[in-house]
Amino acid sequence: MDHGHPELPSFWRSPAGLALMLALVVGGFYLVTEHSAHLFGALPYLLILACPLMHGFMHRGHGHGAQGQPRSGDEHPRQ
């Protein structure tokens, strides 16, 4: 169903987006081939730094920001 809104072109399909993608591919290839010792030396630290980030994203679905309002399915029967 067309509502008369023109579809905006994606950034990655524009000339600037394609040039950026090409630069990232060339830079990544250079990084892996010429600096693999530095890259693999930093890998354990990057994995350790990723843990708090993943922890923060994983807690978004638990409803910690509901401020006392139970979500559906979380109601506990009163005894």
PDB file of N, CA and C in Angstrom:
ATOM      1  N   MET A   1       0.837  -1.159   0.000  1.00  0.00           N
ATOM      2  CA  MET A   1       0.000   0.000   0.000  1.00  0.00           C
ATOM      3  C   MET A   1       0.891   1.233   0.000  1.00  0.00           C
ATOM      4  N   ASP A   2       0.790   2.036  -1.016  1.00  0.00           N
ATOM      5  CA  ASP A   2       1.621   3.222  -1.167  1.00  0.00           C
ATOM      6  C   ASP A   2       0.879   4.421  -0.613  1.00  0.00           C
ATOM      7  N   HIS A   3       1.488   5.109   0.350  1.00  0.00           N
ATOM      8  CA  HIS A   3       0.871   6.275   0.964  1.00  0.00           C
ATOM      9  C   HIS A   3       1.383   7.573   0.370  1.00  0.00           C
ATOM     10  N   GLY A   4       2.093   7.515  -0.732  1.00  0.00           N
ATOM     11  CA  GLY A   4       2.571   8.716  -1.376  1.00  0.00           C
ATOM     12  C   GLY A   4       3.902   9.209  -0.846  1.00  0.00           C
ATOM     13  N   HIS A   5       4.543   8.450   0.045  1.00  0.00           N
ATOM     14  CA  HIS A   5       5.842   8.841   0.583  1.00  0.00           C
ATOM     15  C   HIS A   5       6.934   8.258  -0.305  1.00  0.00           C
ATOM     16  N   PRO A   6       7.796   9.107  -0.837  1.00  0.00           N
ATOM     17  CA  PRO A   6       8.875   8.556  -1.667  1.00  0.00           C
ATOM     18  C   PRO A   6       9.868   7.805  -0.787  1.00  0.00           C
ATOM     19  N   GLU A   7      10.341   6.671  -1.284  1.00  0.00           N
ATOM     20  CA  GLU A   7      11.300   5.866  -0.540  1.00  0.00           C
ATOM     21  C   GLU A   7      12.670   6.530  -0.614  1.00  0.00           C
ATOM     22  N   LEU A   8      13.267   6.766   0.564  1.00  0.00           N
ATOM     23  CA  LEU A   8      14.574   7.390   0.612  1.00  0.00           C
ATOM     24  C   LEU A   8      15.645   6.369   0.245  1.00  0.00           C
ATOM     25  N   PRO A   9      16.627   6.770  -0.530  1.00  0.00           N
ATOM     26  CA  PRO A   9      17.692   5.832  -0.890  1.00  0.00           C
ATOM     27  C   PRO A   9      18.547   5.509   0.330  1.00  0.00           C
ATOM     28  N   SER A  10      19.015   4.292   0.382  1.00  0.00           N
ATOM     29  CA  SER A  10      19.869   3.865   1.478  1.00  0.00           C
ATOM     30  C   SER A  10      21.230   4.540   1.366  1.00  0.00           C
ATOM     31  N   PHE A  11      21.837   4.854   2.521  1.00  0.00           N
ATOM     32  CA  PHE A  11      23.158   5.478   2.516  1.00  0.00           C
ATOM     33  C   PHE A  11      24.172   4.558   1.867  1.00  0.00           C
ATOM     34  N   TRP A  12      24.071   3.260   2.109  1.00  0.00           N
ATOM     35  CA  TRP A  12      25.062   2.307   1.605  1.00  0.00           C
ATOM     36  C   TRP A  12      24.977   2.137   0.092  1.00  0.00           C
ATOM     37  N   ARG A  13      23.905   2.586  -0.533  1.00  0.00           N
ATOM     38  CA  ARG A  13      23.787   2.504  -1.992  1.00  0.00           C
ATOM     39  C   ARG A  13      24.160   3.818  -2.674  1.00  0.00           C
ATOM     40  N   SER A  14      24.455   4.838  -1.887  1.00  0.00           N
ATOM     41  CA  SER A  14      24.867   6.112  -2.460  1.00  0.00           C
ATOM     42  C   SER A  14      26.355   6.046  -2.793  1.00  0.00           C
ATOM     43  N   PRO A  15      26.858   6.958  -3.627  1.00  0.00           N
ATOM     44  CA  PRO A  15      28.294   6.949  -3.939  1.00  0.00           C
ATOM     45  C   PRO A  15      29.174   7.115  -2.700  1.00  0.00           C
ATOM     46  N   ALA A  16      28.756   7.955  -1.765  1.00  0.00           N
ATOM     47  CA  ALA A  16      29.546   8.129  -0.542  1.00  0.00           C
ATOM     48  C   ALA A  16      29.544   6.851   0.293  1.00  0.00           C
ATOM     49  N   GLY A  17      28.409   6.178   0.363  1.00  0.00           N
ATOM     50  CA  GLY A  17      28.327   4.936   1.122  1.00  0.00           C
ATOM     51  C   GLY A  17      29.171   3.834   0.508  1.00  0.00           C
ATOM     52  N   LEU A  18      29.155   3.734  -0.815  1.00  0.00           N
ATOM     53  CA  LEU A  18      29.976   2.733  -1.490  1.00  0.00           C
ATOM     54  C   LEU A  18      31.465   3.019  -1.312  1.00  0.00           C
ATOM     55  N   ALA A  19      31.843   4.298  -1.345  1.00  0.00           N
ATOM     56  CA  ALA A  19      33.247   4.657  -1.135  1.00  0.00           C
ATOM     57  C   ALA A  19      33.669   4.335   0.297  1.00  0.00           C
ATOM     58  N   LEU A  20      32.795   4.604   1.268  1.00  0.00           N
ATOM     59  CA  LEU A  20      33.102   4.271   2.654  1.00  0.00           C
ATOM     60  C   LEU A  20      33.219   2.763   2.844  1.00  0.00           C
ATOM     61  N   MET A  21      32.331   2.001   2.237  1.00  0.00           N
ATOM     62  CA  MET A  21      32.387   0.547   2.339  1.00  0.00           C
ATOM     63  C   MET A  21      33.686   0.012   1.731  1.00  0.00           C
ATOM     64  N   LEU A  22      34.082   0.543   0.604  1.00  0.00           N
ATOM     65  CA  LEU A  22      35.328   0.116  -0.034  1.00  0.00           C
ATOM     66  C   LEU A  22      36.529   0.464   0.849  1.00  0.00           C
ATOM     67  N   ALA A  23      36.523   1.651   1.434  1.00  0.00           N
ATOM     68  CA  ALA A  23      37.622   2.054   2.324  1.00  0.00           C
ATOM     69  C   ALA A  23      37.687   1.157   3.557  1.00  0.00           C
ATOM     70  N   LEU A  24      36.537   0.778   4.103  1.00  0.00           N
ATOM     71  CA  LEU A  24      36.519  -0.117   5.261  1.00  0.00           C
ATOM     72  C   LEU A  24      37.036  -1.505   4.909  1.00  0.00           C
ATOM     73  N   VAL A  25      36.690  -2.002   3.734  1.00  0.00           N
ATOM     74  CA  VAL A  25      37.177  -3.317   3.307  1.00  0.00           C
ATOM     75  C   VAL A  25      38.684  -3.290   3.099  1.00  0.00           C
ATOM     76  N   VAL A  26      39.178  -2.269   2.413  1.00  0.00           N
ATOM     77  CA  VAL A  26      40.621  -2.154   2.172  1.00  0.00           C
ATOM     78  C   VAL A  26      41.358  -1.968   3.502  1.00  0.00           C
ATOM     79  N   GLY A  27      40.849  -1.128   4.378  1.00  0.00           N
ATOM     80  CA  GLY A  27      41.477  -0.919   5.680  1.00  0.00           C
ATOM     81  C   GLY A  27      41.460  -2.179   6.535  1.00  0.00           C
ATOM     82  N   GLY A  28      40.359  -2.918   6.518  1.00  0.00           N
ATOM     83  CA  GLY A  28      40.286  -4.174   7.264  1.00  0.00           C
ATOM     84  C   GLY A  28      41.249  -5.210   6.726  1.00  0.00           C
ATOM     85  N   PHE A  29      41.363  -5.291   5.403  1.00  0.00           N
ATOM     86  CA  PHE A  29      42.316  -6.224   4.803  1.00  0.00           C
ATOM     87  C   PHE A  29      43.746  -5.866   5.192  1.00  0.00           C
ATOM     88  N   TYR A  30      44.078  -4.573   5.151  1.00  0.00           N
ATOM     89  CA  TYR A  30      45.409  -4.116   5.531  1.00  0.00           C
ATOM     90  C   TYR A  30      45.679  -4.410   7.006  1.00  0.00           C
ATOM     91  N   LEU A  31      44.687  -4.186   7.849  1.00  0.00           N
ATOM     92  CA  LEU A  31      44.840  -4.439   9.272  1.00  0.00           C
ATOM     93  C   LEU A  31      45.106  -5.912   9.546  1.00  0.00           C
ATOM     94  N   VAL A  32      44.390  -6.789   8.884  1.00  0.00           N
ATOM     95  CA  VAL A  32      44.552  -8.228   9.117  1.00  0.00           C
ATOM     96  C   VAL A  32      45.876  -8.725   8.554  1.00  0.00           C
ATOM     97  N   THR A  33      46.267  -8.275   7.362  1.00  0.00           N
ATOM     98  CA  THR A  33      47.472  -8.815   6.746  1.00  0.00           C
ATOM     99  C   THR A  33      48.750  -8.241   7.326  1.00  0.00           C
ATOM    100  N   GLU A  34      48.778  -6.955   7.610  1.00  0.00           N
ATOM    101  CA  GLU A  34      50.015  -6.326   8.048  1.00  0.00           C
ATOM    102  C   GLU A  34      50.165  -6.216   9.559  1.00  0.00           C
ATOM    103  N   HIS A  35      49.064  -6.210  10.272  1.00  0.00           N
ATOM    104  CA  HIS A  35      49.119  -5.991  11.712  1.00  0.00           C
ATOM    105  C   HIS A  35      48.428  -7.111  12.470  1.00  0.00           C
ATOM    106  N   SER A  36      48.513  -8.330  11.981  1.00  0.00           N
ATOM    107  CA  SER A  36      47.813  -9.436  12.631  1.00  0.00           C
ATOM    108  C   SER A  36      48.350  -9.709  14.034  1.00  0.00           C
ATOM    109  N   ALA A  37      49.653  -9.515  14.265  1.00  0.00           N
ATOM    110  CA  ALA A  37      50.206  -9.740  15.606  1.00  0.00           C
ATOM    111  C   ALA A  37      49.601  -8.764  16.610  1.00  0.00           C
ATOM    112  N   HIS A  38      49.448  -7.499  16.226  1.00  0.00           N
ATOM    113  CA  HIS A  38      48.841  -6.514  17.113  1.00  0.00           C
ATOM    114  C   HIS A  38      47.353  -6.803  17.293  1.00  0.00           C
ATOM    115  N   LEU A  39      46.710  -7.184  16.219  1.00  0.00           N
ATOM    116  CA  LEU A  39      45.279  -7.450  16.256  1.00  0.00           C
ATOM    117  C   LEU A  39      44.972  -8.638  17.156  1.00  0.00           C
ATOM    118  N   PHE A  40      45.709  -9.728  16.984  1.00  0.00           N
ATOM    119  CA  PHE A  40      45.451 -10.911  17.793  1.00  0.00           C
ATOM    120  C   PHE A  40      45.938 -10.724  19.227  1.00  0.00           C
ATOM    121  N   GLY A  41      46.910  -9.858  19.452  1.00  0.00           N
ATOM    122  CA  GLY A  41      47.359  -9.560  20.803  1.00  0.00           C
ATOM    123  C   GLY A  41      46.326  -8.793  21.602  1.00  0.00           C
ATOM    124  N   ALA A  42      45.511  -7.987  20.925  1.00  0.00           N
ATOM    125  CA  ALA A  42      44.482  -7.203  21.599  1.00  0.00           C
ATOM    126  C   ALA A  42      43.164  -7.960  21.712  1.00  0.00           C
ATOM    127  N   LEU A  43      43.027  -9.077  21.051  1.00  0.00           N
ATOM    128  CA  LEU A  43      41.764  -9.812  21.026  1.00  0.00           C
ATOM    129  C   LEU A  43      41.278 -10.228  22.416  1.00  0.00           C
ATOM    130  N   PRO A  44      42.114 -10.780  23.306  1.00  0.00           N
ATOM    131  CA  PRO A  44      41.601 -11.131  24.639  1.00  0.00           C
ATOM    132  C   PRO A  44      41.059  -9.918  25.401  1.00  0.00           C
ATOM    133  N   TYR A  45      41.709  -8.778  25.263  1.00  0.00           N
ATOM    134  CA  TYR A  45      41.234  -7.576  25.948  1.00  0.00           C
ATOM    135  C   TYR A  45      39.906  -7.091  25.357  1.00  0.00           C
ATOM    136  N   LEU A  46      39.749  -7.229  24.049  1.00  0.00           N
ATOM    137  CA  LEU A  46      38.490  -6.830  23.420  1.00  0.00           C
ATOM    138  C   LEU A  46      37.344  -7.727  23.868  1.00  0.00           C
ATOM    139  N   LEU A  47      37.623  -9.015  24.044  1.00  0.00           N
ATOM    140  CA  LEU A  47      36.589  -9.927  24.528  1.00  0.00           C
ATOM    141  C   LEU A  47      36.197  -9.584  25.962  1.00  0.00           C
ATOM    142  N   ILE A  48      37.174  -9.263  26.803  1.00  0.00           N
ATOM    143  CA  ILE A  48      36.876  -8.892  28.188  1.00  0.00           C
ATOM    144  C   ILE A  48      36.096  -7.578  28.228  1.00  0.00           C
ATOM    145  N   LEU A  49      36.443  -6.629  27.383  1.00  0.00           N
ATOM    146  CA  LEU A  49      35.717  -5.361  27.347  1.00  0.00           C
ATOM    147  C   LEU A  49      34.306  -5.525  26.786  1.00  0.00           C
ATOM    148  N   ALA A  50      34.074  -6.547  25.985  1.00  0.00           N
ATOM    149  CA  ALA A  50      32.749  -6.776  25.413  1.00  0.00           C
ATOM    150  C   ALA A  50      31.772  -7.331  26.447  1.00  0.00           C
ATOM    151  N   CYS A  51      32.279  -7.953  27.511  1.00  0.00           N
ATOM    152  CA  CYS A  51      31.396  -8.561  28.507  1.00  0.00           C
ATOM    153  C   CYS A  51      30.467  -7.547  29.179  1.00  0.00           C
ATOM    154  N   PRO A  52      30.954  -6.411  29.700  1.00  0.00           N
ATOM    155  CA  PRO A  52      30.019  -5.452  30.302  1.00  0.00           C
ATOM    156  C   PRO A  52      29.024  -4.882  29.291  1.00  0.00           C
ATOM    157  N   LEU A  53      29.457  -4.711  28.077  1.00  0.00           N
ATOM    158  CA  LEU A  53      28.558  -4.202  27.047  1.00  0.00           C
ATOM    159  C   LEU A  53      27.435  -5.201  26.766  1.00  0.00           C
ATOM    160  N   MET A  54      27.786  -6.466  26.611  1.00  0.00           N
ATOM    161  CA  MET A  54      26.765  -7.499  26.385  1.00  0.00           C
ATOM    162  C   MET A  54      25.858  -7.625  27.604  1.00  0.00           C
ATOM    163  N   HIS A  55      26.406  -7.507  28.808  1.00  0.00           N
ATOM    164  CA  HIS A  55      25.621  -7.595  30.030  1.00  0.00           C
ATOM    165  C   HIS A  55      24.567  -6.490  30.056  1.00  0.00           C
ATOM    166  N   GLY A  56      24.973  -5.288  29.684  1.00  0.00           N
ATOM    167  CA  GLY A  56      24.027  -4.182  29.654  1.00  0.00           C
ATOM    168  C   GLY A  56      22.920  -4.386  28.640  1.00  0.00           C
ATOM    169  N   PHE A  57      23.242  -4.887  27.479  1.00  0.00           N
ATOM    170  CA  PHE A  57      22.221  -5.126  26.457  1.00  0.00           C
ATOM    171  C   PHE A  57      21.309  -6.284  26.833  1.00  0.00           C
ATOM    172  N   MET A  58      21.838  -7.279  27.519  1.00  0.00           N
ATOM    173  CA  MET A  58      21.018  -8.430  27.881  1.00  0.00           C
ATOM    174  C   MET A  58      19.994  -8.074  28.958  1.00  0.00           C
ATOM    175  N   HIS A  59      20.273  -7.086  29.801  1.00  0.00           N
ATOM    176  CA  HIS A  59      19.338  -6.716  30.855  1.00  0.00           C
ATOM    177  C   HIS A  59      18.216  -5.812  30.362  1.00  0.00           C
ATOM    178  N   ARG A  60      18.251  -5.368  29.139  1.00  0.00           N
ATOM    179  CA  ARG A  60      17.179  -4.502  28.634  1.00  0.00           C
ATOM    180  C   ARG A  60      15.842  -5.220  28.579  1.00  0.00           C
ATOM    181  N   GLY A  61      15.836  -6.502  28.338  1.00  0.00           N
ATOM    182  CA  GLY A  61      14.584  -7.242  28.195  1.00  0.00           C
ATOM    183  C   GLY A  61      13.976  -7.692  29.498  1.00  0.00           C
ATOM    184  N   HIS A  62      14.612  -7.421  30.646  1.00  0.00           N
ATOM    185  CA  HIS A  62      14.104  -7.918  31.912  1.00  0.00           C
ATOM    186  C   HIS A  62      13.078  -6.997  32.555  1.00  0.00           C
ATOM    187  N   GLY A  63      12.866  -5.818  32.037  1.00  0.00           N
ATOM    188  CA  GLY A  63      11.876  -4.914  32.593  1.00  0.00           C
ATOM    189  C   GLY A  63      12.325  -4.237  33.871  1.00  0.00           C
ATOM    190  N   HIS A  64      13.598  -3.935  34.023  1.00  0.00           N
ATOM    191  CA  HIS A  64      14.079  -3.275  35.224  1.00  0.00           C
ATOM    192  C   HIS A  64      13.614  -1.832  35.313  1.00  0.00           C
ATOM    193  N   GLY A  65      13.191  -1.250  34.204  1.00  0.00           N
ATOM    194  CA  GLY A  65      12.749   0.133  34.216  1.00  0.00           C
ATOM    195  C   GLY A  65      11.254   0.279  34.383  1.00  0.00           C
ATOM    196  N   ALA A  66      10.532  -0.768  34.745  1.00  0.00           N
ATOM    197  CA  ALA A  66       9.076  -0.722  34.840  1.00  0.00           C
ATOM    198  C   ALA A  66       8.596   0.016  36.086  1.00  0.00           C
ATOM    199  N   GLN A  67       9.417   0.204  37.075  1.00  0.00           N
ATOM    200  CA  GLN A  67       9.124   0.949  38.296  1.00  0.00           C
ATOM    201  C   GLN A  67       7.893   0.414  39.014  1.00  0.00           C
ATOM    202  N   GLY A  68       7.912  -0.882  39.279  1.00  0.00           N
ATOM    203  CA  GLY A  68       6.863  -1.491  40.078  1.00  0.00           C
ATOM    204  C   GLY A  68       5.650  -1.941  39.304  1.00  0.00           C
ATOM    205  N   GLN A  69       5.585  -1.726  38.035  1.00  0.00           N
ATOM    206  CA  GLN A  69       4.447  -2.156  37.246  1.00  0.00           C
ATOM    207  C   GLN A  69       4.740  -3.539  36.685  1.00  0.00           C
ATOM    208  N   PRO A  70       3.976  -4.560  37.083  1.00  0.00           N
ATOM    209  CA  PRO A  70       4.256  -5.902  36.577  1.00  0.00           C
ATOM    210  C   PRO A  70       3.913  -6.016  35.093  1.00  0.00           C
ATOM    211  N   ARG A  71       4.725  -6.756  34.385  1.00  0.00           N
ATOM    212  CA  ARG A  71       4.448  -7.026  32.979  1.00  0.00           C
ATOM    213  C   ARG A  71       3.479  -8.181  32.893  1.00  0.00           C
ATOM    214  N   SER A  72       2.856  -8.368  31.760  1.00  0.00           N
ATOM    215  CA  SER A  72       1.954  -9.488  31.594  1.00  0.00           C
ATOM    216  C   SER A  72       2.746 -10.783  31.716  1.00  0.00           C
ATOM    217  N   GLY A  73       2.215 -11.712  32.483  1.00  0.00           N
ATOM    218  CA  GLY A  73       2.922 -12.966  32.702  1.00  0.00           C
ATOM    219  C   GLY A  73       3.798 -12.954  33.938  1.00  0.00           C
ATOM    220  N   ASP A  74       4.032 -11.770  34.526  1.00  0.00           N
ATOM    221  CA  ASP A  74       4.869 -11.653  35.711  1.00  0.00           C
ATOM    222  C   ASP A  74       4.046 -11.514  36.996  1.00  0.00           C
ATOM    223  N   GLU A  75       2.709 -11.529  36.879  1.00  0.00           N
ATOM    224  CA  GLU A  75       1.894 -11.349  38.057  1.00  0.00           C
ATOM    225  C   GLU A  75       2.021 -12.578  38.947  1.00  0.00           C
ATOM    226  N   HIS A  76       2.147 -12.325  40.227  1.00  0.00           N
ATOM    227  CA  HIS A  76       2.214 -13.409  41.196  1.00  0.00           C
ATOM    228  C   HIS A  76       0.895 -13.444  41.942  1.00  0.00           C
ATOM    229  N   PRO A  77       0.286 -14.616  42.083  1.00  0.00           N
ATOM    230  CA  PRO A  77      -0.996 -14.672  42.815  1.00  0.00           C
ATOM    231  C   PRO A  77      -0.772 -14.342  44.289  1.00  0.00           C
ATOM    232  N   ARG A  78      -1.686 -13.569  44.825  1.00  0.00           N
ATOM    233  CA  ARG A  78      -1.603 -13.224  46.245  1.00  0.00           C
ATOM    234  C   ARG A  78      -2.158 -14.374  47.066  1.00  0.00           C
ATOM    235  N   GLN A  79      -1.489 -14.642  48.160  1.00  0.00           N
ATOM    236  CA  GLN A  79      -1.930 -15.764  48.997  1.00  0.00           C
ATOM    237  C   GLN A  79      -2.521 -15.268  50.267  1.00  0.00           C
TER     238      GLN A  79
END
